[in-house]
Amino acid sequence: GGAVTVKISGKKQILSLDIAPEVVDPDDIETLSDIL
């Protein structure tokens, strides 16, 4: 839902990875990992 945004090149290289602060929950790393 827009919590994570990935910018990737045409060569499939990750250029940036933006994570919305509200999805960073130290007690629920698994959800963040799944979204990533």
PDB file of all heavy atoms in Angstrom:
ATOM      1  N   GLY A   1       0.813  -1.215   0.000  1.00  0.00           N
ATOM      2  CA  GLY A   1       0.000   0.000   0.000  1.00  0.00           C
ATOM      3  C   GLY A   1       0.846   1.265   0.000  1.00  0.00           C
ATOM      4  O   GLY A   1       0.441   2.291   0.533  1.00  0.00           O
ATOM      5  N   GLY A   2       2.034   1.191  -0.585  1.00  0.00           N
ATOM      6  CA  GLY A   2       2.915   2.354  -0.650  1.00  0.00           C
ATOM      7  C   GLY A   2       3.887   2.432   0.513  1.00  0.00           C
ATOM      8  O   GLY A   2       4.656   3.390   0.622  1.00  0.00           O
ATOM      9  N   ALA A   3       3.881   1.413   1.378  1.00  0.00           N
ATOM     10  CA  ALA A   3       4.773   1.413   2.540  1.00  0.00           C
ATOM     11  C   ALA A   3       6.239   1.281   2.127  1.00  0.00           C
ATOM     12  O   ALA A   3       7.128   1.789   2.794  1.00  0.00           O
ATOM     13  CB  ALA A   3       4.398   0.290   3.493  1.00  0.00           C
ATOM     14  N   VAL A   4       6.466   0.584   1.020  1.00  0.00           N
ATOM     15  CA  VAL A   4       7.823   0.393   0.505  1.00  0.00           C
ATOM     16  C   VAL A   4       7.829   0.747  -0.966  1.00  0.00           C
ATOM     17  O   VAL A   4       6.943   0.337  -1.720  1.00  0.00           O
ATOM     18  CB  VAL A   4       8.282  -1.073   0.702  1.00  0.00           C
ATOM     19  CG1 VAL A   4       9.618  -1.317   0.022  1.00  0.00           C
ATOM     20  CG2 VAL A   4       8.373  -1.422   2.179  1.00  0.00           C
ATOM     21  N   THR A   5       8.828   1.530  -1.359  1.00  0.00           N
ATOM     22  CA  THR A   5       8.987   1.888  -2.766  1.00  0.00           C
ATOM     23  C   THR A   5      10.401   1.511  -3.200  1.00  0.00           C
ATOM     24  O   THR A   5      11.376   1.861  -2.537  1.00  0.00           O
ATOM     25  CB  THR A   5       8.765   3.400  -2.982  1.00  0.00           C
ATOM     26  OG1 THR A   5       7.454   3.723  -2.522  1.00  0.00           O
ATOM     27  CG2 THR A   5       8.883   3.768  -4.448  1.00  0.00           C
ATOM     28  N   VAL A   6      10.471   0.781  -4.314  1.00  0.00           N
ATOM     29  CA  VAL A   6      11.750   0.346  -4.866  1.00  0.00           C
ATOM     30  C   VAL A   6      11.969   1.064  -6.183  1.00  0.00           C
ATOM     31  O   VAL A   6      11.075   1.120  -7.025  1.00  0.00           O
ATOM     32  CB  VAL A   6      11.756  -1.183  -5.116  1.00  0.00           C
ATOM     33  CG1 VAL A   6      13.033  -1.613  -5.812  1.00  0.00           C
ATOM     34  CG2 VAL A   6      11.554  -1.936  -3.828  1.00  0.00           C
ATOM     35  N   LYS A   7      13.166   1.598  -6.360  1.00  0.00           N
ATOM     36  CA  LYS A   7      13.566   2.148  -7.650  1.00  0.00           C
ATOM     37  C   LYS A   7      14.619   1.191  -8.194  1.00  0.00           C
ATOM     38  O   LYS A   7      15.581   0.846  -7.501  1.00  0.00           O
ATOM     39  CB  LYS A   7      14.140   3.553  -7.494  1.00  0.00           C
ATOM     40  CG  LYS A   7      14.396   4.232  -8.833  1.00  0.00           C
ATOM     41  CD  LYS A   7      14.956   5.619  -8.640  1.00  0.00           C
ATOM     42  CE  LYS A   7      13.911   6.623  -9.048  1.00  0.00           C
ATOM     43  NZ  LYS A   7      14.439   8.000  -8.990  1.00  0.00           N
ATOM     44  N   ILE A   8      14.387   0.719  -9.427  1.00  0.00           N
ATOM     45  CA  ILE A   8      15.258  -0.283 -10.038  1.00  0.00           C
ATOM     46  C   ILE A   8      15.628   0.165 -11.441  1.00  0.00           C
ATOM     47  O   ILE A   8      14.840   0.808 -12.132  1.00  0.00           O
ATOM     48  CB  ILE A   8      14.554  -1.665 -10.044  1.00  0.00           C
ATOM     49  CG1 ILE A   8      15.496  -2.788 -10.486  1.00  0.00           C
ATOM     50  CG2 ILE A   8      13.297  -1.643 -10.894  1.00  0.00           C
ATOM     51  CD1 ILE A   8      14.933  -4.188 -10.272  1.00  0.00           C
ATOM     52  N   SER A   9      16.838  -0.200 -11.865  1.00  0.00           N
ATOM     53  CA  SER A   9      17.271   0.137 -13.221  1.00  0.00           C
ATOM     54  C   SER A   9      16.849  -0.969 -14.182  1.00  0.00           C
ATOM     55  O   SER A   9      16.469  -2.067 -13.760  1.00  0.00           O
ATOM     56  CB  SER A   9      18.801   0.286 -13.265  1.00  0.00           C
ATOM     57  OG  SER A   9      19.423  -0.990 -13.206  1.00  0.00           O
ATOM     58  N   GLY A  10      16.957  -0.686 -15.461  1.00  0.00           N
ATOM     59  CA  GLY A  10      16.665  -1.683 -16.482  1.00  0.00           C
ATOM     60  C   GLY A  10      17.633  -2.850 -16.453  1.00  0.00           C
ATOM     61  O   GLY A  10      17.377  -3.885 -17.047  1.00  0.00           O
ATOM     62  N   LYS A  11      18.739  -2.694 -15.741  1.00  0.00           N
ATOM     63  CA  LYS A  11      19.703  -3.783 -15.575  1.00  0.00           C
ATOM     64  C   LYS A  11      19.414  -4.587 -14.308  1.00  0.00           C
ATOM     65  O   LYS A  11      20.219  -5.390 -13.884  1.00  0.00           O
ATOM     66  CB  LYS A  11      21.124  -3.223 -15.502  1.00  0.00           C
ATOM     67  CG  LYS A  11      21.609  -2.666 -16.817  1.00  0.00           C
ATOM     68  CD  LYS A  11      23.055  -2.210 -16.683  1.00  0.00           C
ATOM     69  CE  LYS A  11      23.573  -1.737 -18.020  1.00  0.00           C
ATOM     70  NZ  LYS A  11      24.990  -1.403 -17.958  1.00  0.00           N
ATOM     71  N   LYS A  12      18.259  -4.321 -13.706  1.00  0.00           N
ATOM     72  CA  LYS A  12      17.799  -5.021 -12.503  1.00  0.00           C
ATOM     73  C   LYS A  12      18.680  -4.732 -11.294  1.00  0.00           C
ATOM     74  O   LYS A  12      18.870  -5.581 -10.427  1.00  0.00           O
ATOM     75  CB  LYS A  12      17.689  -6.524 -12.742  1.00  0.00           C
ATOM     76  CG  LYS A  12      16.733  -6.895 -13.840  1.00  0.00           C
ATOM     77  CD  LYS A  12      16.699  -8.389 -14.015  1.00  0.00           C
ATOM     78  CE  LYS A  12      16.228  -8.714 -15.411  1.00  0.00           C
ATOM     79  NZ  LYS A  12      16.508 -10.082 -15.765  1.00  0.00           N
ATOM     80  N   GLN A  13      19.215  -3.531 -11.233  1.00  0.00           N
ATOM     81  CA  GLN A  13      19.978  -3.114 -10.064  1.00  0.00           C
ATOM     82  C   GLN A  13      19.092  -2.203  -9.222  1.00  0.00           C
ATOM     83  O   GLN A  13      18.505  -1.251  -9.742  1.00  0.00           O
ATOM     84  CB  GLN A  13      21.241  -2.364 -10.485  1.00  0.00           C
ATOM     85  CG  GLN A  13      22.209  -3.236 -11.265  1.00  0.00           C
ATOM     86  CD  GLN A  13      23.362  -2.460 -11.854  1.00  0.00           C
ATOM     87  OE1 GLN A  13      23.222  -1.307 -12.232  1.00  0.00           O
ATOM     88  NE2 GLN A  13      24.510  -3.093 -11.919  1.00  0.00           N
ATOM     89  N   ILE A  14      19.007  -2.491  -7.936  1.00  0.00           N
ATOM     90  CA  ILE A  14      18.207  -1.672  -7.035  1.00  0.00           C
ATOM     91  C   ILE A  14      18.937  -0.342  -6.850  1.00  0.00           C
ATOM     92  O   ILE A  14      20.096  -0.303  -6.453  1.00  0.00           O
ATOM     93  CB  ILE A  14      17.999  -2.368  -5.669  1.00  0.00           C
ATOM     94  CG1 ILE A  14      17.350  -3.737  -5.846  1.00  0.00           C
ATOM     95  CG2 ILE A  14      17.198  -1.472  -4.733  1.00  0.00           C
ATOM     96  CD1 ILE A  14      15.982  -3.729  -6.474  1.00  0.00           C
ATOM     97  N   LEU A  15      18.246   0.745  -7.164  1.00  0.00           N
ATOM     98  CA  LEU A  15      18.832   2.081  -7.057  1.00  0.00           C
ATOM     99  C   LEU A  15      18.501   2.723  -5.718  1.00  0.00           C
ATOM    100  O   LEU A  15      19.313   3.452  -5.155  1.00  0.00           O
ATOM    101  CB  LEU A  15      18.337   2.963  -8.205  1.00  0.00           C
ATOM    102  CG  LEU A  15      18.615   2.425  -9.612  1.00  0.00           C
ATOM    103  CD1 LEU A  15      17.940   3.295 -10.659  1.00  0.00           C
ATOM    104  CD2 LEU A  15      20.116   2.338  -9.856  1.00  0.00           C
ATOM    105  N   SER A  16      17.294   2.474  -5.231  1.00  0.00           N
ATOM    106  CA  SER A  16      16.916   2.989  -3.916  1.00  0.00           C
ATOM    107  C   SER A  16      15.773   2.162  -3.367  1.00  0.00           C
ATOM    108  O   SER A  16      15.057   1.485  -4.101  1.00  0.00           O
ATOM    109  CB  SER A  16      16.519   4.461  -3.989  1.00  0.00           C
ATOM    110  OG  SER A  16      15.321   4.631  -4.709  1.00  0.00           O
ATOM    111  N   LEU A  17      15.630   2.246  -2.065  1.00  0.00           N
ATOM    112  CA  LEU A  17      14.589   1.519  -1.349  1.00  0.00           C
ATOM    113  C   LEU A  17      14.089   2.448  -0.254  1.00  0.00           C
ATOM    114  O   LEU A  17      14.825   2.792   0.655  1.00  0.00           O
ATOM    115  CB  LEU A  17      15.183   0.244  -0.750  1.00  0.00           C
ATOM    116  CG  LEU A  17      14.260  -0.728  -0.050  1.00  0.00           C
ATOM    117  CD1 LEU A  17      13.286  -1.336  -1.043  1.00  0.00           C
ATOM    118  CD2 LEU A  17      15.075  -1.827   0.602  1.00  0.00           C
ATOM    119  N   ASP A  18      12.856   2.902  -0.391  1.00  0.00           N
ATOM    120  CA  ASP A  18      12.274   3.801   0.597  1.00  0.00           C
ATOM    121  C   ASP A  18      11.255   3.043   1.435  1.00  0.00           C
ATOM    122  O   ASP A  18      10.394   2.334   0.892  1.00  0.00           O
ATOM    123  CB  ASP A  18      11.590   4.990  -0.091  1.00  0.00           C
ATOM    124  CG  ASP A  18      12.589   5.894  -0.797  1.00  0.00           C
ATOM    125  OD1 ASP A  18      13.683   6.116  -0.240  1.00  0.00           O
ATOM    126  OD2 ASP A  18      12.271   6.367  -1.905  1.00  0.00           O
ATOM    127  N   ILE A  19      11.354   3.225   2.745  1.00  0.00           N
ATOM    128  CA  ILE A  19      10.467   2.537   3.679  1.00  0.00           C
ATOM    129  C   ILE A  19       9.746   3.597   4.505  1.00  0.00           C
ATOM    130  O   ILE A  19      10.385   4.451   5.126  1.00  0.00           O
ATOM    131  CB  ILE A  19      11.267   1.604   4.608  1.00  0.00           C
ATOM    132  CG1 ILE A  19      12.071   0.595   3.784  1.00  0.00           C
ATOM    133  CG2 ILE A  19      10.344   0.896   5.586  1.00  0.00           C
ATOM    134  CD1 ILE A  19      13.092  -0.190   4.585  1.00  0.00           C
ATOM    135  N   ALA A  20       8.435   3.524   4.500  1.00  0.00           N
ATOM    136  CA  ALA A  20       7.639   4.454   5.309  1.00  0.00           C
ATOM    137  C   ALA A  20       7.884   4.144   6.787  1.00  0.00           C
ATOM    138  O   ALA A  20       7.874   2.975   7.187  1.00  0.00           O
ATOM    139  CB  ALA A  20       6.162   4.317   4.971  1.00  0.00           C
ATOM    140  N   PRO A  21       8.132   5.170   7.600  1.00  0.00           N
ATOM    141  CA  PRO A  21       8.442   4.944   9.028  1.00  0.00           C
ATOM    142  C   PRO A  21       7.382   4.142   9.771  1.00  0.00           C
ATOM    143  O   PRO A  21       7.705   3.360  10.671  1.00  0.00           O
ATOM    144  CB  PRO A  21       8.547   6.358   9.608  1.00  0.00           C
ATOM    145  CG  PRO A  21       8.731   7.262   8.450  1.00  0.00           C
ATOM    146  CD  PRO A  21       8.149   6.572   7.246  1.00  0.00           C
ATOM    147  N   GLU A  22       6.125   4.281   9.380  1.00  0.00           N
ATOM    148  CA  GLU A  22       5.066   3.584  10.116  1.00  0.00           C
ATOM    149  C   GLU A  22       5.100   2.067   9.962  1.00  0.00           C
ATOM    150  O   GLU A  22       4.453   1.355  10.730  1.00  0.00           O
ATOM    151  CB  GLU A  22       3.677   4.132   9.758  1.00  0.00           C
ATOM    152  CG  GLU A  22       3.289   3.991   8.302  1.00  0.00           C
ATOM    153  CD  GLU A  22       3.696   5.189   7.429  1.00  0.00           C
ATOM    154  OE1 GLU A  22       4.483   6.044   7.870  1.00  0.00           O
ATOM    155  OE2 GLU A  22       3.215   5.233   6.283  1.00  0.00           O
ATOM    156  N   VAL A  23       5.834   1.539   8.978  1.00  0.00           N
ATOM    157  CA  VAL A  23       5.899   0.079   8.838  1.00  0.00           C
ATOM    158  C   VAL A  23       7.118  -0.514   9.543  1.00  0.00           C
ATOM    159  O   VAL A  23       7.302  -1.710   9.536  1.00  0.00           O
ATOM    160  CB  VAL A  23       5.880  -0.376   7.352  1.00  0.00           C
ATOM    161  CG1 VAL A  23       4.589   0.014   6.691  1.00  0.00           C
ATOM    162  CG2 VAL A  23       7.081   0.096   6.606  1.00  0.00           C
ATOM    163  N   VAL A  24       7.925   0.356  10.134  1.00  0.00           N
ATOM    164  CA  VAL A  24       9.097  -0.125  10.855  1.00  0.00           C
ATOM    165  C   VAL A  24       8.688  -0.377  12.305  1.00  0.00           C
ATOM    166  O   VAL A  24       8.658   0.522  13.126  1.00  0.00           O
ATOM    167  CB  VAL A  24      10.268   0.888  10.779  1.00  0.00           C
ATOM    168  CG1 VAL A  24      11.479   0.353  11.520  1.00  0.00           C
ATOM    169  CG2 VAL A  24      10.606   1.187   9.328  1.00  0.00           C
ATOM    170  N   ASP A  25       8.349  -1.631  12.548  1.00  0.00           N
ATOM    171  CA  ASP A  25       7.935  -2.044  13.881  1.00  0.00           C
ATOM    172  C   ASP A  25       8.933  -3.089  14.366  1.00  0.00           C
ATOM    173  O   ASP A  25       8.984  -4.199  13.830  1.00  0.00           O
ATOM    174  CB  ASP A  25       6.519  -2.632  13.822  1.00  0.00           C
ATOM    175  CG  ASP A  25       6.010  -3.104  15.165  1.00  0.00           C
ATOM    176  OD1 ASP A  25       6.775  -3.055  16.157  1.00  0.00           O
ATOM    177  OD2 ASP A  25       4.837  -3.516  15.221  1.00  0.00           O
ATOM    178  N   PRO A  26       9.743  -2.749  15.385  1.00  0.00           N
ATOM    179  CA  PRO A  26      10.754  -3.703  15.850  1.00  0.00           C
ATOM    180  C   PRO A  26      10.156  -5.023  16.328  1.00  0.00           C
ATOM    181  O   PRO A  26      10.831  -6.045  16.336  1.00  0.00           O
ATOM    182  CB  PRO A  26      11.447  -2.986  17.007  1.00  0.00           C
ATOM    183  CG  PRO A  26      10.906  -1.616  17.050  1.00  0.00           C
ATOM    184  CD  PRO A  26       9.743  -1.520  16.111  1.00  0.00           C
ATOM    185  N   ASP A  27       8.881  -5.015  16.665  1.00  0.00           N
ATOM    186  CA  ASP A  27       8.231  -6.247  17.113  1.00  0.00           C
ATOM    187  C   ASP A  27       7.628  -7.049  15.959  1.00  0.00           C
ATOM    188  O   ASP A  27       7.088  -8.134  16.179  1.00  0.00           O
ATOM    189  CB  ASP A  27       7.127  -5.923  18.128  1.00  0.00           C
ATOM    190  CG  ASP A  27       7.685  -5.315  19.397  1.00  0.00           C
ATOM    191  OD1 ASP A  27       8.822  -5.686  19.784  1.00  0.00           O
ATOM    192  OD2 ASP A  27       7.004  -4.455  19.991  1.00  0.00           O
ATOM    193  N   ASP A  28       7.694  -6.502  14.736  1.00  0.00           N
ATOM    194  CA  ASP A  28       7.115  -7.193  13.578  1.00  0.00           C
ATOM    195  C   ASP A  28       8.018  -7.035  12.349  1.00  0.00           C
ATOM    196  O   ASP A  28       7.617  -6.529  11.314  1.00  0.00           O
ATOM    197  CB  ASP A  28       5.712  -6.644  13.287  1.00  0.00           C
ATOM    198  CG  ASP A  28       4.980  -7.485  12.254  1.00  0.00           C
ATOM    199  OD1 ASP A  28       5.447  -8.611  11.934  1.00  0.00           O
ATOM    200  OD2 ASP A  28       3.945  -7.016  11.747  1.00  0.00           O
ATOM    201  N   ILE A  29       9.239  -7.488  12.483  1.00  0.00           N
ATOM    202  CA  ILE A  29      10.205  -7.424  11.388  1.00  0.00           C
ATOM    203  C   ILE A  29       9.763  -8.303  10.220  1.00  0.00           C
ATOM    204  O   ILE A  29      10.017  -8.006   9.067  1.00  0.00           O
ATOM    205  CB  ILE A  29      11.618  -7.855  11.879  1.00  0.00           C
ATOM    206  CG1 ILE A  29      12.106  -6.906  12.975  1.00  0.00           C
ATOM    207  CG2 ILE A  29      12.607  -7.918  10.731  1.00  0.00           C
ATOM    208  CD1 ILE A  29      12.261  -5.476  12.541  1.00  0.00           C
ATOM    209  N   GLU A  30       9.046  -9.370  10.519  1.00  0.00           N
ATOM    210  CA  GLU A  30       8.614 -10.313   9.479  1.00  0.00           C
ATOM    211  C   GLU A  30       7.721  -9.632   8.436  1.00  0.00           C
ATOM    212  O   GLU A  30       7.877  -9.851   7.238  1.00  0.00           O
ATOM    213  CB  GLU A  30       7.883 -11.494  10.107  1.00  0.00           C
ATOM    214  CG  GLU A  30       7.576 -12.591   9.102  1.00  0.00           C
ATOM    215  CD  GLU A  30       6.957 -13.820   9.759  1.00  0.00           C
ATOM    216  OE1 GLU A  30       7.084 -13.999  10.976  1.00  0.00           O
ATOM    217  OE2 GLU A  30       6.336 -14.586   9.009  1.00  0.00           O
ATOM    218  N   THR A  31       6.798  -8.795   8.864  1.00  0.00           N
ATOM    219  CA  THR A  31       5.919  -8.096   7.929  1.00  0.00           C
ATOM    220  C   THR A  31       6.718  -7.160   7.036  1.00  0.00           C
ATOM    221  O   THR A  31       6.516  -7.132   5.820  1.00  0.00           O
ATOM    222  CB  THR A  31       4.825  -7.311   8.684  1.00  0.00           C
ATOM    223  OG1 THR A  31       4.019  -8.239   9.392  1.00  0.00           O
ATOM    224  CG2 THR A  31       3.955  -6.510   7.729  1.00  0.00           C
ATOM    225  N   LEU A  32       7.642  -6.421   7.624  1.00  0.00           N
ATOM    226  CA  LEU A  32       8.485  -5.523   6.834  1.00  0.00           C
ATOM    227  C   LEU A  32       9.305  -6.320   5.824  1.00  0.00           C
ATOM    228  O   LEU A  32       9.397  -5.951   4.656  1.00  0.00           O
ATOM    229  CB  LEU A  32       9.404  -4.706   7.737  1.00  0.00           C
ATOM    230  CG  LEU A  32      10.380  -3.765   7.017  1.00  0.00           C
ATOM    231  CD1 LEU A  32       9.642  -2.793   6.107  1.00  0.00           C
ATOM    232  CD2 LEU A  32      11.233  -3.023   8.034  1.00  0.00           C
ATOM    233  N   SER A  33       9.850  -7.416   6.270  1.00  0.00           N
ATOM    234  CA  SER A  33      10.632  -8.280   5.382  1.00  0.00           C
ATOM    235  C   SER A  33       9.773  -8.779   4.217  1.00  0.00           C
ATOM    236  O   SER A  33      10.213  -8.763   3.057  1.00  0.00           O
ATOM    237  CB  SER A  33      11.186  -9.462   6.173  1.00  0.00           C
ATOM    238  OG  SER A  33      11.911 -10.320   5.344  1.00  0.00           O
ATOM    239  N   ASP A  34       8.554  -9.202   4.493  1.00  0.00           N
ATOM    240  CA  ASP A  34       7.644  -9.686   3.444  1.00  0.00           C
ATOM    241  C   ASP A  34       7.334  -8.579   2.430  1.00  0.00           C
ATOM    242  O   ASP A  34       7.303  -8.826   1.217  1.00  0.00           O
ATOM    243  CB  ASP A  34       6.339 -10.197   4.054  1.00  0.00           C
ATOM    244  CG  ASP A  34       6.506 -11.497   4.826  1.00  0.00           C
ATOM    245  OD1 ASP A  34       7.561 -12.159   4.667  1.00  0.00           O
ATOM    246  OD2 ASP A  34       5.582 -11.837   5.595  1.00  0.00           O
ATOM    247  N   ILE A  35       7.114  -7.374   2.934  1.00  0.00           N
ATOM    248  CA  ILE A  35       6.816  -6.249   2.030  1.00  0.00           C
ATOM    249  C   ILE A  35       8.025  -5.926   1.159  1.00  0.00           C
ATOM    250  O   ILE A  35       7.901  -5.673  -0.041  1.00  0.00           O
ATOM    251  CB  ILE A  35       6.357  -5.009   2.828  1.00  0.00           C
ATOM    252  CG1 ILE A  35       5.017  -5.290   3.509  1.00  0.00           C
ATOM    253  CG2 ILE A  35       6.232  -3.786   1.915  1.00  0.00           C
ATOM    254  CD1 ILE A  35       4.597  -4.213   4.503  1.00  0.00           C
ATOM    255  N   LEU A  36       9.219  -5.959   1.757  1.00  0.00           N
ATOM    256  CA  LEU A  36      10.442  -5.693   0.992  1.00  0.00           C
ATOM    257  C   LEU A  36      10.638  -6.731  -0.108  1.00  0.00           C
ATOM    258  O   LEU A  36      10.943  -6.387  -1.259  1.00  0.00           O
ATOM    259  CB  LEU A  36      11.662  -5.670   1.915  1.00  0.00           C
ATOM    260  CG  LEU A  36      11.765  -4.490   2.859  1.00  0.00           C
ATOM    261  CD1 LEU A  36      12.866  -4.715   3.889  1.00  0.00           C
ATOM    262  CD2 LEU A  36      12.006  -3.201   2.085  1.00  0.00           C
TER     263      LEU A  36
END
